[in-house]
Amino acid sequence: MRLILLATPFDNWDRDETPAGYRVDRNLPLLAVGAGEIYLMRREATRTGDRTFRFLSDAMAASFGCYLPVILWARRIPRGVCS
């Protein structure tokens, strides 16, 4: 699904910038898959008492939490400031 979204002309893949709302839309499939994985891992870890998988699901949730500001506010930081 994400590859189809990236291949559409709305992505402006031939230019440096993508449309503002579309960068959120093209990441929604990744969010859905990741949230599903986190939910399933956490559910099974709770059911079986597996501390390792509970930690992995927490780490995945933290990773998604850190990536969310990048998706939402990347355009507010001018190019070249962070490099």
PDB file of N, CA and C in Angstrom:
ATOM      1  N   MET A   1       0.823  -1.189   0.000  1.00  0.00           N
ATOM      2  CA  MET A   1       0.000   0.000   0.000  1.00  0.00           C
ATOM      3  C   MET A   1       0.876   1.266   0.000  1.00  0.00           C
ATOM      4  N   ARG A   2       1.916   1.247   0.835  1.00  0.00           N
ATOM      5  CA  ARG A   2       2.781   2.430   0.904  1.00  0.00           C
ATOM      6  C   ARG A   2       3.518   2.660  -0.413  1.00  0.00           C
ATOM      7  N   LEU A   3       3.960   1.616  -1.051  1.00  0.00           N
ATOM      8  CA  LEU A   3       4.654   1.775  -2.336  1.00  0.00           C
ATOM      9  C   LEU A   3       3.733   2.380  -3.386  1.00  0.00           C
ATOM     10  N   ILE A   4       2.470   2.006  -3.368  1.00  0.00           N
ATOM     11  CA  ILE A   4       1.510   2.599  -4.298  1.00  0.00           C
ATOM     12  C   ILE A   4       1.346   4.082  -4.003  1.00  0.00           C
ATOM     13  N   LEU A   5       1.259   4.436  -2.721  1.00  0.00           N
ATOM     14  CA  LEU A   5       1.135   5.852  -2.353  1.00  0.00           C
ATOM     15  C   LEU A   5       2.364   6.656  -2.768  1.00  0.00           C
ATOM     16  N   LEU A   6       3.548   6.051  -2.622  1.00  0.00           N
ATOM     17  CA  LEU A   6       4.773   6.757  -3.011  1.00  0.00           C
ATOM     18  C   LEU A   6       4.902   6.921  -4.519  1.00  0.00           C
ATOM     19  N   ALA A   7       4.301   6.028  -5.275  1.00  0.00           N
ATOM     20  CA  ALA A   7       4.430   6.070  -6.741  1.00  0.00           C
ATOM     21  C   ALA A   7       3.428   7.012  -7.401  1.00  0.00           C
ATOM     22  N   THR A   8       2.468   7.507  -6.670  1.00  0.00           N
ATOM     23  CA  THR A   8       1.479   8.397  -7.272  1.00  0.00           C
ATOM     24  C   THR A   8       2.088   9.757  -7.584  1.00  0.00           C
ATOM     25  N   PRO A   9       1.549  10.470  -8.540  1.00  0.00           N
ATOM     26  CA  PRO A   9       2.078  11.792  -8.887  1.00  0.00           C
ATOM     27  C   PRO A   9       1.886  12.824  -7.769  1.00  0.00           C
ATOM     28  N   PHE A  10       0.971  12.565  -6.848  1.00  0.00           N
ATOM     29  CA  PHE A  10       0.734  13.517  -5.761  1.00  0.00           C
ATOM     30  C   PHE A  10       1.927  13.634  -4.827  1.00  0.00           C
ATOM     31  N   ASP A  11       2.810  12.647  -4.839  1.00  0.00           N
ATOM     32  CA  ASP A  11       3.978  12.638  -3.950  1.00  0.00           C
ATOM     33  C   ASP A  11       5.038  13.649  -4.373  1.00  0.00           C
ATOM     34  N   ASN A  12       4.966  14.127  -5.602  1.00  0.00           N
ATOM     35  CA  ASN A  12       5.975  15.050  -6.150  1.00  0.00           C
ATOM     36  C   ASN A  12       7.382  14.493  -5.983  1.00  0.00           C
ATOM     37  N   TRP A  13       7.570  13.237  -6.304  1.00  0.00           N
ATOM     38  CA  TRP A  13       8.863  12.612  -6.127  1.00  0.00           C
ATOM     39  C   TRP A  13       9.919  13.174  -7.060  1.00  0.00           C
ATOM     40  N   ASP A  14       9.519  13.961  -8.034  1.00  0.00           N
ATOM     41  CA  ASP A  14      10.487  14.587  -8.929  1.00  0.00           C
ATOM     42  C   ASP A  14      10.916  15.970  -8.431  1.00  0.00           C
ATOM     43  N   ARG A  15      10.435  16.382  -7.271  1.00  0.00           N
ATOM     44  CA  ARG A  15      10.801  17.668  -6.673  1.00  0.00           C
ATOM     45  C   ARG A  15      11.396  17.443  -5.293  1.00  0.00           C
ATOM     46  N   ASP A  16      11.953  18.505  -4.708  1.00  0.00           N
ATOM     47  CA  ASP A  16      12.587  18.387  -3.387  1.00  0.00           C
ATOM     48  C   ASP A  16      11.584  18.285  -2.245  1.00  0.00           C
ATOM     49  N   GLU A  17      10.406  18.869  -2.390  1.00  0.00           N
ATOM     50  CA  GLU A  17       9.444  18.889  -1.292  1.00  0.00           C
ATOM     51  C   GLU A  17       8.167  18.148  -1.680  1.00  0.00           C
ATOM     52  N   THR A  18       7.571  17.516  -0.686  1.00  0.00           N
ATOM     53  CA  THR A  18       6.280  16.861  -0.893  1.00  0.00           C
ATOM     54  C   THR A  18       5.180  17.758  -0.356  1.00  0.00           C
ATOM     55  N   PRO A  19       3.964  17.584  -0.819  1.00  0.00           N
ATOM     56  CA  PRO A  19       2.860  18.375  -0.283  1.00  0.00           C
ATOM     57  C   PRO A  19       2.700  18.140   1.224  1.00  0.00           C
ATOM     58  N   ALA A  20       2.258  19.169   1.942  1.00  0.00           N
ATOM     59  CA  ALA A  20       2.228  19.145   3.406  1.00  0.00           C
ATOM     60  C   ALA A  20       1.397  17.995   3.966  1.00  0.00           C
ATOM     61  N   GLY A  21       0.190  17.827   3.543  1.00  0.00           N
ATOM     62  CA  GLY A  21      -0.656  16.780   4.104  1.00  0.00           C
ATOM     63  C   GLY A  21      -0.317  15.395   3.603  1.00  0.00           C
ATOM     64  N   TYR A  22       0.308  15.303   2.465  1.00  0.00           N
ATOM     65  CA  TYR A  22       0.562  13.993   1.867  1.00  0.00           C
ATOM     66  C   TYR A  22       1.665  13.229   2.585  1.00  0.00           C
ATOM     67  N   ARG A  23       2.611  13.928   3.210  1.00  0.00           N
ATOM     68  CA  ARG A  23       3.669  13.208   3.908  1.00  0.00           C
ATOM     69  C   ARG A  23       3.118  12.455   5.110  1.00  0.00           C
ATOM     70  N   VAL A  24       2.022  12.927   5.687  1.00  0.00           N
ATOM     71  CA  VAL A  24       1.362  12.186   6.764  1.00  0.00           C
ATOM     72  C   VAL A  24       0.609  11.002   6.173  1.00  0.00           C
ATOM     73  N   ASP A  25      -0.094  11.227   5.073  1.00  0.00           N
ATOM     74  CA  ASP A  25      -0.881  10.154   4.450  1.00  0.00           C
ATOM     75  C   ASP A  25      -0.013   8.975   4.011  1.00  0.00           C
ATOM     76  N   ARG A  26       1.166   9.250   3.486  1.00  0.00           N
ATOM     77  CA  ARG A  26       1.988   8.151   2.993  1.00  0.00           C
ATOM     78  C   ARG A  26       2.647   7.369   4.121  1.00  0.00           C
ATOM     79  N   ASN A  27       2.647   7.901   5.335  1.00  0.00           N
ATOM     80  CA  ASN A  27       3.195   7.172   6.474  1.00  0.00           C
ATOM     81  C   ASN A  27       2.134   6.445   7.285  1.00  0.00           C
ATOM     82  N   LEU A  28       0.863   6.641   6.969  1.00  0.00           N
ATOM     83  CA  LEU A  28      -0.205   5.956   7.693  1.00  0.00           C
ATOM     84  C   LEU A  28      -0.132   4.428   7.585  1.00  0.00           C
ATOM     85  N   PRO A  29       0.197   3.846   6.424  1.00  0.00           N
ATOM     86  CA  PRO A  29       0.329   2.379   6.389  1.00  0.00           C
ATOM     87  C   PRO A  29       1.418   1.861   7.326  1.00  0.00           C
ATOM     88  N   LEU A  30       2.527   2.581   7.425  1.00  0.00           N
ATOM     89  CA  LEU A  30       3.587   2.169   8.345  1.00  0.00           C
ATOM     90  C   LEU A  30       3.117   2.261   9.790  1.00  0.00           C
ATOM     91  N   LEU A  31       2.369   3.303  10.098  1.00  0.00           N
ATOM     92  CA  LEU A  31       1.837   3.458  11.447  1.00  0.00           C
ATOM     93  C   LEU A  31       0.865   2.338  11.788  1.00  0.00           C
ATOM     94  N   ALA A  32       0.014   1.984  10.844  1.00  0.00           N
ATOM     95  CA  ALA A  32      -0.963   0.920  11.086  1.00  0.00           C
ATOM     96  C   ALA A  32      -0.268  -0.423  11.322  1.00  0.00           C
ATOM     97  N   VAL A  33       0.708  -0.756  10.505  1.00  0.00           N
ATOM     98  CA  VAL A  33       1.426  -2.020  10.668  1.00  0.00           C
ATOM     99  C   VAL A  33       2.201  -2.018  11.986  1.00  0.00           C
ATOM    100  N   GLY A  34       2.875  -0.937  12.274  1.00  0.00           N
ATOM    101  CA  GLY A  34       3.645  -0.849  13.512  1.00  0.00           C
ATOM    102  C   GLY A  34       2.767  -0.913  14.754  1.00  0.00           C
ATOM    103  N   ALA A  35       1.644  -0.210  14.730  1.00  0.00           N
ATOM    104  CA  ALA A  35       0.734  -0.249  15.877  1.00  0.00           C
ATOM    105  C   ALA A  35       0.171  -1.649  16.069  1.00  0.00           C
ATOM    106  N   GLY A  36      -0.126  -2.339  14.977  1.00  0.00           N
ATOM    107  CA  GLY A  36      -0.600  -3.715  15.069  1.00  0.00           C
ATOM    108  C   GLY A  36       0.448  -4.639  15.665  1.00  0.00           C
ATOM    109  N   GLU A  37       1.694  -4.476  15.244  1.00  0.00           N
ATOM    110  CA  GLU A  37       2.771  -5.299  15.788  1.00  0.00           C
ATOM    111  C   GLU A  37       2.974  -5.033  17.276  1.00  0.00           C
ATOM    112  N   ILE A  38       2.952  -3.761  17.649  1.00  0.00           N
ATOM    113  CA  ILE A  38       3.111  -3.404  19.065  1.00  0.00           C
ATOM    114  C   ILE A  38       1.986  -4.012  19.889  1.00  0.00           C
ATOM    115  N   TYR A  39       0.756  -3.901  19.399  1.00  0.00           N
ATOM    116  CA  TYR A  39      -0.386  -4.448  20.122  1.00  0.00           C
ATOM    117  C   TYR A  39      -0.268  -5.958  20.295  1.00  0.00           C
ATOM    118  N   LEU A  40       0.042  -6.666  19.197  1.00  0.00           N
ATOM    119  CA  LEU A  40       0.141  -8.114  19.273  1.00  0.00           C
ATOM    120  C   LEU A  40       1.278  -8.570  20.174  1.00  0.00           C
ATOM    121  N   MET A  41       2.423  -7.915  20.071  1.00  0.00           N
ATOM    122  CA  MET A  41       3.551  -8.284  20.925  1.00  0.00           C
ATOM    123  C   MET A  41       3.233  -8.037  22.392  1.00  0.00           C
ATOM    124  N   ARG A  42       2.636  -6.904  22.684  1.00  0.00           N
ATOM    125  CA  ARG A  42       2.318  -6.582  24.074  1.00  0.00           C
ATOM    126  C   ARG A  42       1.258  -7.535  24.627  1.00  0.00           C
ATOM    127  N   ARG A  43       0.261  -7.857  23.811  1.00  0.00           N
ATOM    128  CA  ARG A  43      -0.793  -8.775  24.259  1.00  0.00           C
ATOM    129  C   ARG A  43      -0.227 -10.153  24.583  1.00  0.00           C
ATOM    130  N   GLU A  44       0.616 -10.664  23.679  1.00  0.00           N
ATOM    131  CA  GLU A  44       1.190 -11.988  23.916  1.00  0.00           C
ATOM    132  C   GLU A  44       2.191 -11.979  25.061  1.00  0.00           C
ATOM    133  N   ALA A  45       2.952 -10.897  25.191  1.00  0.00           N
ATOM    134  CA  ALA A  45       3.905 -10.812  26.295  1.00  0.00           C
ATOM    135  C   ALA A  45       3.183 -10.761  27.636  1.00  0.00           C
ATOM    136  N   THR A  46       2.067 -10.075  27.689  1.00  0.00           N
ATOM    137  CA  THR A  46       1.283 -10.013  28.918  1.00  0.00           C
ATOM    138  C   THR A  46       0.655 -11.371  29.214  1.00  0.00           C
ATOM    139  N   ARG A  47       0.163 -12.026  28.191  1.00  0.00           N
ATOM    140  CA  ARG A  47      -0.492 -13.321  28.368  1.00  0.00           C
ATOM    141  C   ARG A  47       0.483 -14.385  28.863  1.00  0.00           C
ATOM    142  N   THR A  48       1.707 -14.384  28.319  1.00  0.00           N
ATOM    143  CA  THR A  48       2.679 -15.420  28.669  1.00  0.00           C
ATOM    144  C   THR A  48       3.669 -14.980  29.743  1.00  0.00           C
ATOM    145  N   GLY A  49       3.663 -13.702  30.096  1.00  0.00           N
ATOM    146  CA  GLY A  49       4.612 -13.211  31.096  1.00  0.00           C
ATOM    147  C   GLY A  49       6.023 -13.050  30.554  1.00  0.00           C
ATOM    148  N   ASP A  50       6.172 -12.841  29.277  1.00  0.00           N
ATOM    149  CA  ASP A  50       7.476 -12.719  28.623  1.00  0.00           C
ATOM    150  C   ASP A  50       7.973 -11.281  28.747  1.00  0.00           C
ATOM    151  N   ARG A  51       8.977 -11.078  29.582  1.00  0.00           N
ATOM    152  CA  ARG A  51       9.502  -9.723  29.807  1.00  0.00           C
ATOM    153  C   ARG A  51      10.283  -9.189  28.617  1.00  0.00           C
ATOM    154  N   THR A  52      10.927 -10.078  27.860  1.00  0.00           N
ATOM    155  CA  THR A  52      11.717  -9.639  26.700  1.00  0.00           C
ATOM    156  C   THR A  52      10.819  -9.043  25.628  1.00  0.00           C
ATOM    157  N   PHE A  53       9.727  -9.722  25.302  1.00  0.00           N
ATOM    158  CA  PHE A  53       8.831  -9.196  24.275  1.00  0.00           C
ATOM    159  C   PHE A  53       8.084  -7.959  24.769  1.00  0.00           C
ATOM    160  N   ARG A  54       7.847  -7.876  26.058  1.00  0.00           N
ATOM    161  CA  ARG A  54       7.240  -6.651  26.613  1.00  0.00           C
ATOM    162  C   ARG A  54       8.207  -5.475  26.417  1.00  0.00           C
ATOM    163  N   PHE A  55       9.490  -5.707  26.688  1.00  0.00           N
ATOM    164  CA  PHE A  55      10.492  -4.663  26.485  1.00  0.00           C
ATOM    165  C   PHE A  55      10.588  -4.281  25.006  1.00  0.00           C
ATOM    166  N   LEU A  56      10.562  -5.272  24.114  1.00  0.00           N
ATOM    167  CA  LEU A  56      10.633  -4.985  22.680  1.00  0.00           C
ATOM    168  C   LEU A  56       9.434  -4.178  22.206  1.00  0.00           C
ATOM    169  N   SER A  57       8.250  -4.506  22.711  1.00  0.00           N
ATOM    170  CA  SER A  57       7.078  -3.721  22.314  1.00  0.00           C
ATOM    171  C   SER A  57       7.162  -2.297  22.848  1.00  0.00           C
ATOM    172  N   ASP A  58       7.692  -2.122  24.047  1.00  0.00           N
ATOM    173  CA  ASP A  58       7.891  -0.770  24.581  1.00  0.00           C
ATOM    174  C   ASP A  58       8.924   0.002  23.759  1.00  0.00           C
ATOM    175  N   ALA A  59       9.993  -0.691  23.344  1.00  0.00           N
ATOM    176  CA  ALA A  59      11.023  -0.046  22.520  1.00  0.00           C
ATOM    177  C   ALA A  59      10.457   0.361  21.163  1.00  0.00           C
ATOM    178  N   MET A  60       9.612  -0.482  20.581  1.00  0.00           N
ATOM    179  CA  MET A  60       8.982  -0.133  19.303  1.00  0.00           C
ATOM    180  C   MET A  60       8.058   1.070  19.459  1.00  0.00           C
ATOM    181  N   ALA A  61       7.305   1.117  20.550  1.00  0.00           N
ATOM    182  CA  ALA A  61       6.419   2.253  20.797  1.00  0.00           C
ATOM    183  C   ALA A  61       7.232   3.532  20.980  1.00  0.00           C
ATOM    184  N   ALA A  62       8.352   3.449  21.676  1.00  0.00           N
ATOM    185  CA  ALA A  62       9.217   4.621  21.852  1.00  0.00           C
ATOM    186  C   ALA A  62       9.792   5.075  20.511  1.00  0.00           C
ATOM    187  N   SER A  63      10.154   4.118  19.667  1.00  0.00           N
ATOM    188  CA  SER A  63      10.684   4.447  18.349  1.00  0.00           C
ATOM    189  C   SER A  63       9.650   5.193  17.510  1.00  0.00           C
ATOM    190  N   PHE A  64       8.410   4.704  17.512  1.00  0.00           N
ATOM    191  CA  PHE A  64       7.347   5.391  16.788  1.00  0.00           C
ATOM    192  C   PHE A  64       7.085   6.769  17.386  1.00  0.00           C
ATOM    193  N   GLY A  65       7.173   6.873  18.717  1.00  0.00           N
ATOM    194  CA  GLY A  65       6.983   8.167  19.369  1.00  0.00           C
ATOM    195  C   GLY A  65       8.048   9.184  18.985  1.00  0.00           C
ATOM    196  N   CYS A  66       9.274   8.719  18.767  1.00  0.00           N
ATOM    197  CA  CYS A  66      10.349   9.626  18.355  1.00  0.00           C
ATOM    198  C   CYS A  66      10.257  10.001  16.885  1.00  0.00           C
ATOM    199  N   TYR A  67       9.688   9.131  16.070  1.00  0.00           N
ATOM    200  CA  TYR A  67       9.584   9.408  14.642  1.00  0.00           C
ATOM    201  C   TYR A  67       8.390  10.304  14.311  1.00  0.00           C
ATOM    202  N   LEU A  68       7.390  10.301  15.153  1.00  0.00           N
ATOM    203  CA  LEU A  68       6.187  11.102  14.909  1.00  0.00           C
ATOM    204  C   LEU A  68       6.487  12.598  14.738  1.00  0.00           C
ATOM    205  N   PRO A  69       7.313  13.222  15.598  1.00  0.00           N
ATOM    206  CA  PRO A  69       7.620  14.646  15.371  1.00  0.00           C
ATOM    207  C   PRO A  69       8.333  14.908  14.046  1.00  0.00           C
ATOM    208  N   VAL A  70       9.118  13.950  13.583  1.00  0.00           N
ATOM    209  CA  VAL A  70       9.806  14.108  12.297  1.00  0.00           C
ATOM    210  C   VAL A  70       8.786  14.207  11.171  1.00  0.00           C
ATOM    211  N   ILE A  71       7.777  13.347  11.211  1.00  0.00           N
ATOM    212  CA  ILE A  71       6.749  13.361  10.176  1.00  0.00           C
ATOM    213  C   ILE A  71       5.926  14.647  10.240  1.00  0.00           C
ATOM    214  N   LEU A  72       5.562  15.046  11.445  1.00  0.00           N
ATOM    215  CA  LEU A  72       4.644  16.177  11.591  1.00  0.00           C
ATOM    216  C   LEU A  72       5.305  17.537  11.425  1.00  0.00           C
ATOM    217  N   TRP A  73       6.535  17.692  11.914  1.00  0.00           N
ATOM    218  CA  TRP A  73       7.117  19.033  11.955  1.00  0.00           C
ATOM    219  C   TRP A  73       8.442  19.176  11.212  1.00  0.00           C
ATOM    220  N   ALA A  74       8.763  18.287  10.299  1.00  0.00           N
ATOM    221  CA  ALA A  74      10.036  18.371   9.580  1.00  0.00           C
ATOM    222  C   ALA A  74      10.127  19.615   8.712  1.00  0.00           C
ATOM    223  N   ARG A  75       9.023  20.103   8.208  1.00  0.00           N
ATOM    224  CA  ARG A  75       9.064  21.273   7.323  1.00  0.00           C
ATOM    225  C   ARG A  75       9.322  22.564   8.075  1.00  0.00           C
ATOM    226  N   ARG A  76       9.169  22.582   9.373  1.00  0.00           N
ATOM    227  CA  ARG A  76       9.385  23.817  10.148  1.00  0.00           C
ATOM    228  C   ARG A  76      10.859  24.129  10.344  1.00  0.00           C
ATOM    229  N   ILE A  77      11.726  23.131  10.202  1.00  0.00           N
ATOM    230  CA  ILE A  77      13.159  23.336  10.355  1.00  0.00           C
ATOM    231  C   ILE A  77      13.743  23.550   8.956  1.00  0.00           C
ATOM    232  N   PRO A  78      14.388  24.694   8.722  1.00  0.00           N
ATOM    233  CA  PRO A  78      14.938  24.955   7.392  1.00  0.00           C
ATOM    234  C   PRO A  78      16.013  23.930   7.015  1.00  0.00           C
ATOM    235  N   ARG A  79      16.106  23.672   5.728  1.00  0.00           N
ATOM    236  CA  ARG A  79      17.081  22.723   5.223  1.00  0.00           C
ATOM    237  C   ARG A  79      18.497  23.212   5.540  1.00  0.00           C
ATOM    238  N   GLY A  80      19.348  22.322   5.993  1.00  0.00           N
ATOM    239  CA  GLY A  80      20.731  22.649   6.292  1.00  0.00           C
ATOM    240  C   GLY A  80      20.987  23.016   7.738  1.00  0.00           C
ATOM    241  N   VAL A  81      19.946  23.219   8.533  1.00  0.00           N
ATOM    242  CA  VAL A  81      20.141  23.582   9.931  1.00  0.00           C
ATOM    243  C   VAL A  81      20.684  22.408  10.727  1.00  0.00           C
ATOM    244  N   CYS A  82      20.190  21.216  10.462  1.00  0.00           N
ATOM    245  CA  CYS A  82      20.585  20.043  11.239  1.00  0.00           C
ATOM    246  C   CYS A  82      21.803  19.330  10.675  1.00  0.00           C
ATOM    247  N   SER A  83      22.277  19.727   9.526  1.00  0.00           N
ATOM    248  CA  SER A  83      23.420  18.994   8.947  1.00  0.00           C
ATOM    249  C   SER A  83      24.706  19.731   9.159  1.00  0.00           C
TER     250      SER A  83
END
